[in-house]
Protein backbone atom coordinates (compact mmCIF):
# COMPACT_ATOMS: atom_id res chain seq x y z
CA UNK A 1 143.33 168.47 -16.46
CA UNK A 2 141.73 167.80 -19.85
CA UNK A 3 138.29 167.59 -18.19
CA UNK A 4 138.76 170.97 -16.49
CA UNK A 5 139.88 172.56 -19.75
CA UNK A 6 136.90 171.09 -21.61
CA UNK A 7 134.51 172.33 -18.92
CA UNK A 8 136.07 175.81 -18.98
CA UNK A 9 135.80 175.97 -22.77
CA UNK A 10 132.14 174.87 -22.72
CA UNK A 11 131.33 177.37 -19.97
CA UNK A 12 133.05 180.18 -21.89
CA UNK A 13 131.31 179.37 -25.17
CA UNK A 14 127.97 179.15 -23.37
CA UNK A 15 128.62 182.55 -21.80
CA UNK A 16 129.40 184.04 -25.20
CA UNK A 17 126.22 182.60 -26.68
CA UNK A 18 124.02 183.84 -23.84
CA UNK A 19 125.61 187.25 -23.57
CA UNK A 20 125.54 187.86 -27.32
CA UNK A 21 121.88 186.80 -27.52
CA UNK A 22 121.05 189.03 -24.57
CA UNK A 23 122.97 191.92 -26.08
CA UNK A 24 120.97 191.64 -29.32
CA UNK A 25 117.58 191.54 -27.61
CA UNK A 26 117.21 195.27 -26.70
CA UNK A 27 117.84 196.28 -30.33
CA UNK A 28 114.69 194.45 -31.50
CA UNK A 29 112.33 197.42 -31.61
CA UNK A 30 109.33 198.40 -33.69
CA UNK A 31 106.07 200.26 -33.67
CA UNK A 32 103.68 198.96 -31.03
CA UNK A 33 100.86 198.13 -33.50
CA UNK A 34 103.13 196.26 -35.94
CA UNK A 35 104.97 194.33 -33.21
CA UNK A 36 101.70 193.41 -31.47
CA UNK A 37 100.21 192.19 -34.77
CA UNK A 38 103.35 190.22 -35.66
CA UNK A 39 103.43 188.50 -32.25
CA UNK A 40 99.76 187.59 -32.55
CA UNK A 41 100.05 186.33 -36.15
CA UNK A 42 103.30 184.38 -35.81
CA UNK A 43 103.27 183.20 -32.17
CA UNK A 44 99.68 183.62 -31.02
CA UNK A 45 100.84 185.97 -28.27
CA UNK A 46 98.60 188.77 -27.03
CA UNK A 47 99.27 191.47 -24.43
CA UNK A 48 98.37 190.16 -20.97
CA UNK A 49 99.98 192.80 -18.75
CA UNK A 50 101.33 196.32 -18.89
CA UNK A 51 102.53 198.54 -16.08
CA UNK A 52 104.71 201.53 -15.27
CA UNK A 53 108.16 200.84 -13.91
CA UNK A 54 109.29 202.87 -10.94
CA UNK A 55 112.48 203.58 -12.89
CA UNK A 56 111.81 206.59 -15.08
CA UNK A 57 108.27 205.95 -16.30
CA UNK A 58 109.16 203.04 -18.57
CA UNK A 59 106.16 200.88 -19.47
CA UNK A 60 106.69 197.11 -19.29
CA UNK A 61 104.47 195.02 -21.60
CA UNK A 62 104.14 191.23 -21.40
CA UNK A 63 102.67 189.21 -24.26
CA UNK A 64 101.77 185.53 -23.88
CA UNK A 65 100.21 182.54 -25.55
CA UNK A 66 98.53 180.51 -22.81
CA UNK A 67 98.25 177.42 -25.04
CA UNK A 68 101.94 177.22 -26.00
CA UNK A 69 103.16 178.75 -22.68
CA UNK A 70 105.41 181.16 -24.60
CA UNK A 71 105.86 184.79 -23.51
CA UNK A 72 107.66 187.95 -24.62
CA UNK A 73 108.37 191.12 -22.66
CA UNK A 74 109.20 194.58 -23.91
CA UNK A 75 109.60 198.17 -22.80
CA UNK A 76 108.22 201.44 -24.03
CA UNK A 77 110.45 204.39 -23.09
CA UNK A 78 109.17 207.92 -22.48
CA UNK A 79 111.65 209.23 -25.04
CA UNK A 80 110.36 206.89 -27.75
CA UNK A 81 106.56 206.82 -27.50
CA UNK A 82 104.94 204.36 -29.89
CA UNK A 83 108.07 202.15 -30.05
CA UNK A 84 108.49 198.92 -28.09
CA UNK A 85 111.87 197.24 -27.56
CA UNK A 86 112.05 193.64 -26.41
CA UNK A 87 113.87 192.51 -23.30
CA UNK A 88 113.39 188.76 -23.41
CA UNK A 89 111.09 185.85 -24.22
CA UNK A 90 110.70 182.31 -23.00
CA UNK A 91 108.44 179.63 -21.60
CA UNK A 92 106.01 180.29 -18.76
CA UNK A 93 106.33 178.25 -15.59
CA UNK A 94 104.09 177.84 -12.62
CA UNK A 95 105.29 179.36 -9.40
CA UNK A 96 104.99 177.22 -6.29
CA UNK A 97 101.91 178.09 -4.32
CA UNK A 98 102.89 179.97 -1.20
CA UNK A 99 101.18 180.11 2.17
CA UNK A 100 97.77 181.73 2.08
CA UNK A 101 97.66 185.19 3.59
């Protein structure tokens, strides 16, 4: 019983930590030039991809540092041109190589 309660408490606290971190992420916004410069200066990340989402013309931008394997992703909304808001960041992984087509 004590083990189940401990596990439930750990799971709940982990959920709170993840959900609160995720909830804070979209509020991290700034001008595209200043954010791009800050990512390059502090984390060595540069834009490696941008593309239009099929959901309302949002632009997705991915920054990465290929030496540290760190990445960040943000969105630029049509209603806020010139402002990027971050979705997430993390460590790059290699996808398994699929069958050749």
